[in-house]
PDB file of N, CA and C in Angstrom:
ATOM      1  N   SER A   1       0.392  -1.479  -0.144  1.00  0.00           N
ATOM      2  CA  SER A   1       0.010   0.042  -0.129  1.00  0.00           C
ATOM      3  C   SER A   1       1.064   1.548   0.411  1.00  0.00           C
ATOM      4  N   GLY A   2       1.966   1.476   0.925  1.00  0.00           N
ATOM      5  CA  GLY A   2       2.884   2.682   0.851  1.00  0.00           C
ATOM      6  C   GLY A   2       2.230   4.204   1.330  1.00  0.00           C
ATOM      7  N   ARG A   3       0.675   3.604   1.486  1.00  0.00           N
ATOM      8  CA  ARG A   3       0.369   5.203   1.750  1.00  0.00           C
ATOM      9  C   ARG A   3       0.217   5.843   3.006  1.00  0.00           C
ATOM     10  N   GLY A   4       0.914   4.982   3.957  1.00  0.00           N
ATOM     11  CA  GLY A   4       1.389   6.038   5.059  1.00  0.00           C
ATOM     12  C   GLY A   4      -0.366   5.520   5.908  1.00  0.00           C
ATOM     13  N   LEU A   5      -0.218   6.603   7.074  1.00  0.00           N
ATOM     14  CA  LEU A   5      -1.388   6.501   7.722  1.00  0.00           C
ATOM     15  C   LEU A   5      -2.609   7.256   7.652  1.00  0.00           C
ATOM     16  N   GLN A   6      -3.676   6.426   7.248  1.00  0.00           N
ATOM     17  CA  GLN A   6      -4.964   6.990   6.860  1.00  0.00           C
ATOM     18  C   GLN A   6      -6.353   6.349   7.873  1.00  0.00           C
ATOM     19  N   VAL A   7      -7.072   7.986   8.081  1.00  0.00           N
ATOM     20  CA  VAL A   7      -8.550   7.565   8.915  1.00  0.00           C
ATOM     21  C   VAL A   7      -9.801   6.911   8.540  1.00  0.00           C
ATOM     22  N   THR A   8      -9.918   5.924   9.133  1.00  0.00           N
ATOM     23  CA  THR A   8     -10.719   4.819   8.544  1.00  0.00           C
ATOM     24  C   THR A   8     -11.932   5.185   9.004  1.00  0.00           C
ATOM     25  N   THR A   9     -12.272   4.946  10.162  1.00  0.00           N
ATOM     26  CA  THR A   9     -13.827   5.277  11.281  1.00  0.00           C
ATOM     27  C   THR A   9     -13.752   6.272  12.188  1.00  0.00           C
ATOM     28  N   ILE A  10     -14.375   7.069  13.273  1.00  0.00           N
ATOM     29  CA  ILE A  10     -14.531   8.113  14.223  1.00  0.00           C
ATOM     30  C   ILE A  10     -16.213   7.502  14.599  1.00  0.00           C
ATOM     31  N   GLN A  11     -15.350   7.175  15.998  1.00  0.00           N
ATOM     32  CA  GLN A  11     -16.384   6.727  16.555  1.00  0.00           C
ATOM     33  C   GLN A  11     -16.384   7.060  18.130  1.00  0.00           C
ATOM     34  N   LEU A  12     -17.975   7.241  18.714  1.00  0.00           N
ATOM     35  CA  LEU A  12     -18.168   8.080  20.198  1.00  0.00           C
ATOM     36  C   LEU A  12     -18.004   7.458  20.910  1.00  0.00           C
ATOM     37  N   GLY A  13     -18.016   7.883  21.892  1.00  0.00           N
ATOM     38  CA  GLY A  13     -18.657   6.763  23.511  1.00  0.00           C
ATOM     39  C   GLY A  13     -18.587   7.648  25.086  1.00  0.00           C
ATOM     40  N   ARG A  14     -19.254   6.834  25.553  1.00  0.00           N
ATOM     41  CA  ARG A  14     -18.901   6.989  27.092  1.00  0.00           C
ATOM     42  C   ARG A  14     -18.007   6.103  27.951  1.00  0.00           C
ATOM     43  N   SER A  15     -17.129   4.980  26.816  1.00  0.00           N
ATOM     44  CA  SER A  15     -16.335   4.781  27.406  1.00  0.00           C
ATOM     45  C   SER A  15     -15.281   3.435  26.254  1.00  0.00           C
ATOM     46  N   VAL A  16     -13.348   3.974  26.420  1.00  0.00           N
ATOM     47  CA  VAL A  16     -13.091   3.051  25.663  1.00  0.00           C
ATOM     48  C   VAL A  16     -12.940   1.360  26.188  1.00  0.00           C
ATOM     49  N   ASN A  17     -12.544   0.298  25.352  1.00  0.00           N
ATOM     50  CA  ASN A  17     -11.907  -0.788  25.744  1.00  0.00           C
ATOM     51  C   ASN A  17     -10.363  -0.630  25.804  1.00  0.00           C
ATOM     52  N   THR A  18      -9.541  -1.875  25.923  1.00  0.00           N
ATOM     53  CA  THR A  18      -8.214  -1.504  25.933  1.00  0.00           C
ATOM     54  C   THR A  18      -7.763  -1.241  24.909  1.00  0.00           C
ATOM     55  N   ASP A  19      -8.130  -1.392  23.962  1.00  0.00           N
ATOM     56  CA  ASP A  19      -7.557  -1.163  22.618  1.00  0.00           C
ATOM     57  C   ASP A  19      -7.557   0.367  22.102  1.00  0.00           C
ATOM     58  N   ASN A  20      -8.389   1.199  23.024  1.00  0.00           N
ATOM     59  CA  ASN A  20      -8.866   2.518  22.659  1.00  0.00           C
ATOM     60  C   ASN A  20      -9.958   1.955  21.478  1.00  0.00           C
ATOM     61  N   THR A  21     -10.334   1.446  21.162  1.00  0.00           N
ATOM     62  CA  THR A  21     -11.516   1.624  20.063  1.00  0.00           C
ATOM     63  C   THR A  21     -13.116   1.696  21.228  1.00  0.00           C
ATOM     64  N   VAL A  22     -13.707   2.043  20.817  1.00  0.00           N
ATOM     65  CA  VAL A  22     -15.046   2.551  21.782  1.00  0.00           C
ATOM     66  C   VAL A  22     -15.809   1.270  22.581  1.00  0.00           C
ATOM     67  N   ALA A  23     -16.049   1.051  23.752  1.00  0.00           N
ATOM     68  CA  ALA A  23     -16.942   0.602  24.161  1.00  0.00           C
ATOM     69  C   ALA A  23     -18.399   0.031  23.789  1.00  0.00           C
ATOM     70  N   ASN A  24     -19.163   1.832  23.607  1.00  0.00           N
ATOM     71  CA  ASN A  24     -20.525   1.800  23.732  1.00  0.00           C
ATOM     72  C   ASN A  24     -20.641   2.941  22.963  1.00  0.00           C
ATOM     73  N   HIS A  25     -21.125   3.115  21.803  1.00  0.00           N
ATOM     74  CA  HIS A  25     -21.860   3.710  20.961  1.00  0.00           C
ATOM     75  C   HIS A  25     -22.648   4.769  21.453  1.00  0.00           C
ATOM     76  N   THR A  26     -22.261   6.225  21.259  1.00  0.00           N
ATOM     77  CA  THR A  26     -23.559   7.029  21.634  1.00  0.00           C
ATOM     78  C   THR A  26     -22.922   8.390  21.084  1.00  0.00           C
ATOM     79  N   THR A  27     -23.799   8.826  20.012  1.00  0.00           N
ATOM     80  CA  THR A  27     -23.638  10.889  20.330  1.00  0.00           C
ATOM     81  C   THR A  27     -24.383  11.530  21.082  1.00  0.00           C
ATOM     82  N   THR A  28     -25.307  10.770  22.197  1.00  0.00           N
ATOM     83  CA  THR A  28     -25.796  11.422  23.256  1.00  0.00           C
ATOM     84  C   THR A  28     -24.953  11.382  25.096  1.00  0.00           C
ATOM     85  N   PHE A  29     -25.044  12.239  25.207  1.00  0.00           N
ATOM     86  CA  PHE A  29     -23.943  12.096  26.628  1.00  0.00           C
ATOM     87  C   PHE A  29     -24.998  13.347  27.563  1.00  0.00           C
ATOM     88  N   GLY A  30     -24.688  12.954  28.814  1.00  0.00           N
ATOM     89  CA  GLY A  30     -25.337  13.494  29.838  1.00  0.00           C
ATOM     90  C   GLY A  30     -24.004  14.575  30.379  1.00  0.00           C
ATOM     91  N   PRO A  31     -24.862  15.884  30.979  1.00  0.00           N
ATOM     92  CA  PRO A  31     -23.372  16.767  31.556  1.00  0.00           C
ATOM     93  C   PRO A  31     -22.558  15.934  32.082  1.00  0.00           C
ATOM     94  N   ARG A  32     -22.459  15.390  32.679  1.00  0.00           N
ATOM     95  CA  ARG A  32     -21.212  14.839  34.034  1.00  0.00           C
ATOM     96  C   ARG A  32     -20.484  12.826  32.958  1.00  0.00           C
ATOM     97  N   ASP A  33     -20.716  13.089  31.991  1.00  0.00           N
ATOM     98  CA  ASP A  33     -20.141  12.142  31.650  1.00  0.00           C
ATOM     99  C   ASP A  33     -18.839  12.388  30.843  1.00  0.00           C
ATOM    100  N   THR A  34     -17.686  11.283  30.506  1.00  0.00           N
ATOM    101  CA  THR A  34     -16.799  11.887  29.729  1.00  0.00           C
ATOM    102  C   THR A  34     -16.981  11.332  28.398  1.00  0.00           C
ATOM    103  N   VAL A  35     -16.584  12.270  27.640  1.00  0.00           N
ATOM    104  CA  VAL A  35     -17.307  12.246  25.893  1.00  0.00           C
ATOM    105  C   VAL A  35     -15.560  11.499  25.223  1.00  0.00           C
ATOM    106  N   TYR A  36     -16.161  10.323  24.766  1.00  0.00           N
ATOM    107  CA  TYR A  36     -14.179  10.055  24.130  1.00  0.00           C
ATOM    108  C   TYR A  36     -15.113   9.619  22.983  1.00  0.00           C
ATOM    109  N   VAL A  37     -13.521   9.640  21.318  1.00  0.00           N
ATOM    110  CA  VAL A  37     -13.352  10.009  20.215  1.00  0.00           C
ATOM    111  C   VAL A  37     -12.582   8.950  20.223  1.00  0.00           C
ATOM    112  N   SER A  38     -12.938   7.896  19.687  1.00  0.00           N
ATOM    113  CA  SER A  38     -11.816   6.593  18.914  1.00  0.00           C
ATOM    114  C   SER A  38     -11.527   6.851  17.624  1.00  0.00           C
ATOM    115  N   ILE A  39     -10.699   7.203  16.660  1.00  0.00           N
ATOM    116  CA  ILE A  39      -9.833   7.569  15.601  1.00  0.00           C
ATOM    117  C   ILE A  39      -9.532   6.364  14.918  1.00  0.00           C
ATOM    118  N   ALA A  40     -10.043   5.175  14.237  1.00  0.00           N
ATOM    119  CA  ALA A  40      -9.524   4.080  14.115  1.00  0.00           C
ATOM    120  C   ALA A  40      -8.353   4.576  12.376  1.00  0.00           C
ATOM    121  N   THR A  41      -7.398   3.863  12.585  1.00  0.00           N
ATOM    122  CA  THR A  41      -6.722   4.158  10.905  1.00  0.00           C
ATOM    123  C   THR A  41      -5.852   2.836  11.272  1.00  0.00           C
ATOM    124  N   SER A  42      -5.430   3.615   9.971  1.00  0.00           N
ATOM    125  CA  SER A  42      -4.973   2.127   8.828  1.00  0.00           C
ATOM    126  C   SER A  42      -4.039   2.158   8.219  1.00  0.00           C
ATOM    127  N   GLY A  43      -2.881   1.155   7.931  1.00  0.00           N
ATOM    128  CA  GLY A  43      -1.448   1.490   6.998  1.00  0.00           C
ATOM    129  C   GLY A  43      -0.553   1.527   8.178  1.00  0.00           C
ATOM    130  N   ARG A  44       0.675   1.888   7.918  1.00  0.00           N
ATOM    131  CA  ARG A  44       2.087   1.733   8.649  1.00  0.00           C
ATOM    132  C   ARG A  44       2.453   3.471   8.307  1.00  0.00           C
ATOM    133  N   GLY A  45       3.318   3.380   9.554  1.00  0.00           N
ATOM    134  CA  GLY A  45       3.928   5.133   9.589  1.00  0.00           C
ATOM    135  C   GLY A  45       3.632   5.964  11.098  1.00  0.00           C
ATOM    136  N   ALA A  46       4.300   6.998  10.468  1.00  0.00           N
ATOM    137  CA  ALA A  46       4.215   7.641  11.765  1.00  0.00           C
ATOM    138  C   ALA A  46       3.546   9.020  11.780  1.00  0.00           C
ATOM    139  N   GLY A  47       2.694   9.692  12.339  1.00  0.00           N
ATOM    140  CA  GLY A  47       2.547  11.118  12.201  1.00  0.00           C
ATOM    141  C   GLY A  47       1.816  11.588  12.897  1.00  0.00           C
ATOM    142  N   THR A  48       0.722  12.791  13.423  1.00  0.00           N
ATOM    143  CA  THR A  48      -0.220  13.588  14.358  1.00  0.00           C
ATOM    144  C   THR A  48      -1.443  13.116  14.330  1.00  0.00           C
ATOM    145  N   ILE A  49      -2.273  12.603  14.772  1.00  0.00           N
ATOM    146  CA  ILE A  49      -3.440  12.529  15.248  1.00  0.00           C
ATOM    147  C   ILE A  49      -3.973  14.025  15.635  1.00  0.00           C
ATOM    148  N   GLY A  50      -4.873  14.659  15.701  1.00  0.00           N
ATOM    149  CA  GLY A  50      -5.342  15.790  16.262  1.00  0.00           C
ATOM    150  C   GLY A  50      -6.950  15.825  16.414  1.00  0.00           C
ATOM    151  N   VAL A  51      -7.456  16.361  17.628  1.00  0.00           N
ATOM    152  CA  VAL A  51      -9.129  16.754  16.913  1.00  0.00           C
ATOM    153  C   VAL A  51      -9.002  18.276  17.842  1.00  0.00           C
ATOM    154  N   ARG A  52      -9.997  18.617  17.413  1.00  0.00           N
ATOM    155  CA  ARG A  52     -10.564  19.987  17.839  1.00  0.00           C
ATOM    156  C   ARG A  52     -12.210  19.799  18.339  1.00  0.00           C
ATOM    157  N   TRP A  53     -12.054  19.973  19.892  1.00  0.00           N
ATOM    158  CA  TRP A  53     -13.688  19.609  20.367  1.00  0.00           C
ATOM    159  C   TRP A  53     -14.253  21.196  19.990  1.00  0.00           C
ATOM    160  N   MET A  54     -15.651  20.893  19.746  1.00  0.00           N
ATOM    161  CA  MET A  54     -16.081  22.731  19.421  1.00  0.00           C
ATOM    162  C   MET A  54     -17.689  22.666  20.209  1.00  0.00           C
ATOM    163  N   TYR A  55     -17.663  23.839  21.176  1.00  0.00           N
ATOM    164  CA  TYR A  55     -18.900  23.953  21.570  1.00  0.00           C
ATOM    165  C   TYR A  55     -19.956  25.497  21.481  1.00  0.00           C
ATOM    166  N   GLY A  56     -20.787  25.426  20.755  1.00  0.00           N
ATOM    167  CA  GLY A  56     -21.433  26.582  20.075  1.00  0.00           C
ATOM    168  C   GLY A  56     -20.691  27.356  19.361  1.00  0.00           C
ATOM    169  N   GLY A  57     -19.935  27.063  19.000  1.00  0.00           N
ATOM    170  CA  GLY A  57     -18.661  27.569  17.924  1.00  0.00           C
ATOM    171  C   GLY A  57     -17.610  28.042  18.537  1.00  0.00           C
ATOM    172  N   ARG A  58     -17.346  27.460  19.582  1.00  0.00           N
ATOM    173  CA  ARG A  58     -16.283  28.346  20.406  1.00  0.00           C
ATOM    174  C   ARG A  58     -15.290  26.704  20.107  1.00  0.00           C
ATOM    175  N   VAL A  59     -14.098  26.580  20.256  1.00  0.00           N
ATOM    176  CA  VAL A  59     -13.020  25.216  20.541  1.00  0.00           C
ATOM    177  C   VAL A  59     -12.888  25.450  22.036  1.00  0.00           C
ATOM    178  N   VAL A  60     -13.194  23.967  22.409  1.00  0.00           N
ATOM    179  CA  VAL A  60     -12.977  23.894  23.649  1.00  0.00           C
ATOM    180  C   VAL A  60     -12.228  22.961  23.887  1.00  0.00           C
ATOM    181  N   GLY A  61     -11.268  22.921  23.092  1.00  0.00           N
ATOM    182  CA  GLY A  61     -10.057  21.570  23.200  1.00  0.00           C
ATOM    183  C   GLY A  61      -9.236  21.685  21.575  1.00  0.00           C
ATOM    184  N   GLU A  62      -8.252  21.061  21.944  1.00  0.00           N
ATOM    185  CA  GLU A  62      -7.058  20.942  20.572  1.00  0.00           C
ATOM    186  C   GLU A  62      -6.316  19.836  20.904  1.00  0.00           C
ATOM    187  N   PRO A  63      -6.738  19.169  21.692  1.00  0.00           N
ATOM    188  CA  PRO A  63      -5.085  18.130  22.082  1.00  0.00           C
ATOM    189  C   PRO A  63      -4.380  17.589  20.687  1.00  0.00           C
ATOM    190  N   LYS A  64      -3.189  16.831  20.809  1.00  0.00           N
ATOM    191  CA  LYS A  64      -3.490  16.174  19.444  1.00  0.00           C
ATOM    192  C   LYS A  64      -2.199  14.870  20.108  1.00  0.00           C
ATOM    193  N   LYS A  65      -2.290  13.970  19.275  1.00  0.00           N
ATOM    194  CA  LYS A  65      -1.172  13.196  19.838  1.00  0.00           C
ATOM    195  C   LYS A  65      -0.159  12.541  18.603  1.00  0.00           C
ATOM    196  N   ASP A  66       1.339  12.326  18.646  1.00  0.00           N
ATOM    197  CA  ASP A  66       1.516  12.309  17.659  1.00  0.00           C
ATOM    198  C   ASP A  66       2.252  10.042  17.925  1.00  0.00           C
ATOM    199  N   VAL A  67       1.806   9.944  17.151  1.00  0.00           N
ATOM    200  CA  VAL A  67       1.450   8.621  16.525  1.00  0.00           C
ATOM    201  C   VAL A  67       2.556   7.654  15.452  1.00  0.00           C
ATOM    202  N   SER A  68       2.998   6.432  16.331  1.00  0.00           N
ATOM    203  CA  SER A  68       3.347   5.539  15.240  1.00  0.00           C
ATOM    204  C   SER A  68       2.795   4.178  15.005  1.00  0.00           C
ATOM    205  N   TYR A  69       1.800   3.503  13.686  1.00  0.00           N
ATOM    206  CA  TYR A  69       1.612   2.549  13.930  1.00  0.00           C
ATOM    207  C   TYR A  69       2.174   1.459  12.770  1.00  0.00           C
ATOM    208  N   LYS A  70       2.309   0.160  13.214  1.00  0.00           N
ATOM    209  CA  LYS A  70       2.597  -0.661  12.229  1.00  0.00           C
ATOM    210  C   LYS A  70       1.244  -1.403  11.299  1.00  0.00           C
ATOM    211  N   GLY A  71      -0.002  -0.991  11.609  1.00  0.00           N
ATOM    212  CA  GLY A  71      -0.766  -1.582  11.173  1.00  0.00           C
ATOM    213  C   GLY A  71      -2.309  -0.909  11.721  1.00  0.00           C
ATOM    214  N   ALA A  72      -3.503  -1.629  11.434  1.00  0.00           N
ATOM    215  CA  ALA A  72      -4.346  -1.176  11.982  1.00  0.00           C
ATOM    216  C   ALA A  72      -4.234  -0.658  13.478  1.00  0.00           C
ATOM    217  N   ALA A  73      -4.918   0.598  14.010  1.00  0.00           N
ATOM    218  CA  ALA A  73      -4.626   0.674  15.110  1.00  0.00           C
ATOM    219  C   ALA A  73      -5.684   1.931  16.032  1.00  0.00           C
ATOM    220  N   ALA A  74      -5.898   2.001  17.085  1.00  0.00           N
ATOM    221  CA  ALA A  74      -6.971   3.304  17.379  1.00  0.00           C
ATOM    222  C   ALA A  74      -6.031   4.297  18.041  1.00  0.00           C
ATOM    223  N   THR A  75      -6.558   4.897  18.224  1.00  0.00           N
ATOM    224  CA  THR A  75      -6.492   6.358  18.969  1.00  0.00           C
ATOM    225  C   THR A  75      -7.235   7.326  19.842  1.00  0.00           C
ATOM    226  N   GLU A  76      -7.414   7.547  21.364  1.00  0.00           N
ATOM    227  CA  GLU A  76      -7.964   8.111  21.862  1.00  0.00           C
ATOM    228  C   GLU A  76      -8.115   9.404  22.277  1.00  0.00           C
ATOM    229  N   PHE A  77      -9.155  10.182  22.445  1.00  0.00           N
ATOM    230  CA  PHE A  77      -9.050  11.727  22.451  1.00  0.00           C
ATOM    231  C   PHE A  77     -10.029  11.380  23.713  1.00  0.00           C
ATOM    232  N   HIS A  78     -10.255  12.128  24.575  1.00  0.00           N
ATOM    233  CA  HIS A  78     -11.295  12.404  25.599  1.00  0.00           C
ATOM    234  C   HIS A  78     -11.748  13.963  26.212  1.00  0.00           C
ATOM    235  N   LEU A  79     -12.908  14.034  26.070  1.00  0.00           N
ATOM    236  CA  LEU A  79     -13.582  15.887  26.976  1.00  0.00           C
ATOM    237  C   LEU A  79     -13.949  15.048  28.258  1.00  0.00           C
ATOM    238  N   GLN A  80     -13.822  15.965  29.402  1.00  0.00           N
ATOM    239  CA  GLN A  80     -14.261  16.297  30.540  1.00  0.00           C
ATOM    240  C   GLN A  80     -14.301  17.371  31.302  1.00  0.00           C
ATOM    241  N   ASN A  81     -15.812  17.505  31.909  1.00  0.00           N
ATOM    242  CA  ASN A  81     -16.164  18.590  32.158  1.00  0.00           C
ATOM    243  C   ASN A  81     -16.070  18.580  33.787  1.00  0.00           C
ATOM    244  N   ALA A  82     -15.144  18.895  34.607  1.00  0.00           N
ATOM    245  CA  ALA A  82     -15.450  18.465  36.127  1.00  0.00           C
ATOM    246  C   ALA A  82     -16.711  19.265  36.917  1.00  0.00           C
ATOM    247  N   GLY A  83     -17.331  20.446  35.873  1.00  0.00           N
ATOM    248  CA  GLY A  83     -18.471  21.243  36.549  1.00  0.00           C
ATOM    249  C   GLY A  83     -19.612  20.588  35.912  1.00  0.00           C
ATOM    250  N   GLY A  84     -19.218  19.300  34.441  1.00  0.00           N
ATOM    251  CA  GLY A  84     -20.142  19.119  33.728  1.00  0.00           C
ATOM    252  C   GLY A  84     -20.778  19.892  32.481  1.00  0.00           C
ATOM    253  N   PHE A  85     -20.876  19.497  31.599  1.00  0.00           N
ATOM    254  CA  PHE A  85     -20.898  19.875  30.735  1.00  0.00           C
ATOM    255  C   PHE A  85     -22.566  21.048  30.485  1.00  0.00           C
ATOM    256  N   PRO A  86     -22.181  22.063  29.948  1.00  0.00           N
ATOM    257  CA  PRO A  86     -23.875  23.047  29.455  1.00  0.00           C
ATOM    258  C   PRO A  86     -23.993  21.631  28.414  1.00  0.00           C
ATOM    259  N   PRO A  87     -25.730  21.703  28.881  1.00  0.00           N
ATOM    260  CA  PRO A  87     -26.289  21.329  27.452  1.00  0.00           C
ATOM    261  C   PRO A  87     -25.963  22.190  25.758  1.00  0.00           C
ATOM    262  N   GLY A  88     -26.769  21.308  25.135  1.00  0.00           N
ATOM    263  CA  GLY A  88     -26.671  21.253  23.790  1.00  0.00           C
ATOM    264  C   GLY A  88     -25.772  20.560  22.842  1.00  0.00           C
ATOM    265  N   ASP A  89     -25.334  21.763  21.573  1.00  0.00           N
ATOM    266  CA  ASP A  89     -24.667  20.694  20.750  1.00  0.00           C
ATOM    267  C   ASP A  89     -23.446  20.686  20.606  1.00  0.00           C
ATOM    268  N   TYR A  90     -22.385  20.401  20.177  1.00  0.00           N
ATOM    269  CA  TYR A  90     -21.648  20.178  20.410  1.00  0.00           C
ATOM    270  C   TYR A  90     -20.529  19.265  18.835  1.00  0.00           C
ATOM    271  N   SER A  91     -19.265  19.561  18.404  1.00  0.00           N
ATOM    272  CA  SER A  91     -18.913  18.958  17.515  1.00  0.00           C
ATOM    273  C   SER A  91     -17.149  18.111  17.751  1.00  0.00           C
ATOM    274  N   VAL A  92     -16.878  17.654  17.120  1.00  0.00           N
ATOM    275  CA  VAL A  92     -15.600  16.807  17.028  1.00  0.00           C
ATOM    276  C   VAL A  92     -14.705  16.670  16.082  1.00  0.00           C
ATOM    277  N   GLU A  93     -13.523  17.167  15.455  1.00  0.00           N
ATOM    278  CA  GLU A  93     -13.000  16.952  14.352  1.00  0.00           C
ATOM    279  C   GLU A  93     -12.115  16.719  14.246  1.00  0.00           C
ATOM    280  N   VAL A  94     -11.799  16.010  13.297  1.00  0.00           N
ATOM    281  CA  VAL A  94     -10.250  15.113  13.260  1.00  0.00           C
ATOM    282  C   VAL A  94      -9.380  15.398  12.287  1.00  0.00           C
ATOM    283  N   PHE A  95      -8.003  15.407  12.699  1.00  0.00           N
ATOM    284  CA  PHE A  95      -7.479  16.106  11.779  1.00  0.00           C
ATOM    285  C   PHE A  95      -5.697  14.935  11.991  1.00  0.00           C
ATOM    286  N   LEU A  96      -5.128  15.067  10.916  1.00  0.00           N
ATOM    287  CA  LEU A  96      -4.458  13.883  10.693  1.00  0.00           C
ATOM    288  C   LEU A  96      -3.058  14.382   9.846  1.00  0.00           C
ATOM    289  N   ASN A  97      -1.869  14.987  10.273  1.00  0.00           N
ATOM    290  CA  ASN A  97      -1.341  15.914   9.861  1.00  0.00           C
ATOM    291  C   ASN A  97      -1.656  16.771   9.501  1.00  0.00           C
ATOM    292  N   GLY A  98      -2.477  17.368  10.193  1.00  0.00           N
ATOM    293  CA  GLY A  98      -2.953  19.051   9.810  1.00  0.00           C
ATOM    294  C   GLY A  98      -3.843  19.016   9.005  1.00  0.00           C
ATOM    295  N   GLN A  99      -4.352  17.585   8.364  1.00  0.00           N
ATOM    296  CA  GLN A  99      -5.758  18.026   7.283  1.00  0.00           C
ATOM    297  C   GLN A  99      -6.563  16.808   8.180  1.00  0.00           C
ATOM    298  N   ALA A 100      -8.015  17.571   7.672  1.00  0.00           N
ATOM    299  CA  ALA A 100      -9.425  17.426   8.098  1.00  0.00           C
ATOM    300  C   ALA A 100      -9.096  15.769   8.128  1.00  0.00           C
ATOM    301  N   ALA A 101      -9.975  15.305   8.869  1.00  0.00           N
ATOM    302  CA  ALA A 101     -10.651  13.457   8.189  1.00  0.00           C
ATOM    303  C   ALA A 101     -11.547  13.147   8.444  1.00  0.00           C
ATOM    304  N   GLY A 102     -12.194  14.157   9.165  1.00  0.00           N
ATOM    305  CA  GLY A 102     -14.140  14.324   9.872  1.00  0.00           C
ATOM    306  C   GLY A 102     -14.505  15.074  11.039  1.00  0.00           C
ATOM    307  N   THR A 103     -15.581  14.902  10.575  1.00  0.00           N
ATOM    308  CA  THR A 103     -15.908  15.540  12.339  1.00  0.00           C
ATOM    309  C   THR A 103     -17.755  14.701  12.346  1.00  0.00           C
ATOM    310  N   ARG A 104     -17.432  14.647  13.556  1.00  0.00           N
ATOM    311  CA  ARG A 104     -18.621  14.090  14.484  1.00  0.00           C
ATOM    312  C   ARG A 104     -18.992  14.987  15.524  1.00  0.00           C
ATOM    313  N   SER A 105     -21.204  14.755  15.260  1.00  0.00           N
ATOM    314  CA  SER A 105     -21.286  15.911  15.645  1.00  0.00           C
ATOM    315  C   SER A 105     -22.031  15.169  16.803  1.00  0.00           C
ATOM    316  N   PHE A 106     -22.315  15.546  18.437  1.00  0.00           N
ATOM    317  CA  PHE A 106     -22.799  14.654  19.519  1.00  0.00           C
ATOM    318  C   PHE A 106     -23.913  16.206  20.522  1.00  0.00           C
ATOM    319  N   ARG A 107     -24.463  15.172  21.254  1.00  0.00           N
ATOM    320  CA  ARG A 107     -24.946  16.390  21.928  1.00  0.00           C
ATOM    321  C   ARG A 107     -25.043  15.683  23.630  1.00  0.00           C
ATOM    322  N   VAL A 108     -25.335  17.331  24.160  1.00  0.00           N
ATOM    323  CA  VAL A 108     -25.465  17.023  25.845  1.00  0.00           C
ATOM    324  C   VAL A 108     -26.590  17.307  26.411  1.00  0.00           C
ATOM    325  N   GLU A 109     -26.925  16.035  27.124  1.00  0.00           N
ATOM    326  CA  GLU A 109     -28.370  16.615  27.143  1.00  0.00           C
ATOM    327  C   GLU A 109     -28.918  16.660  28.820  1.00  0.00           C
ATOM    328  N   ALA A 110     -29.310  17.554  29.112  1.00  0.00           N
ATOM    329  CA  ALA A 110     -29.490  17.891  30.583  1.00  0.00           C
ATOM    330  C   ALA A 110     -30.086  16.867  31.598  1.00  0.00           C
ATOM    331  N   GLU A 111     -28.869  16.737  32.641  1.00  0.00           N
ATOM    332  CA  GLU A 111     -29.957  15.852  33.508  1.00  0.00           C
ATOM    333  C   GLU A 111     -31.307  15.556  33.882  1.00  0.00           C
ATOM    334  N   ARG A 112     -32.053  14.572  33.362  1.00  0.00           N
ATOM    335  CA  ARG A 112     -33.678  14.600  33.944  1.00  0.00           C
ATOM    336  C   ARG A 112     -33.970  14.351  35.757  1.00  0.00           C
TER     337      ARG A 112
END
């Protein structure tokens, strides 16, 4: 293949497995949940995977990880707020070496 790392899927959930894949897929969270995003990649190589967490048109986090993989792998990022997330619409955009690789939207719903 020789194409290096490529993003294959982006998954959201409330927890991750030991291999960094998402355990329970969801796009709806409570204010006190931790939001996990798992970025699956294929290929061999090194690169930088980053995410941009957005809420209400504002960036609330932009972490990055330098990775080096020899095959299919998953990279995990998470967002948490000790005071609880404000309810509303959020999104997370994924970047591989600075190039946009996909966006996932999610909601935080008020505790009932």
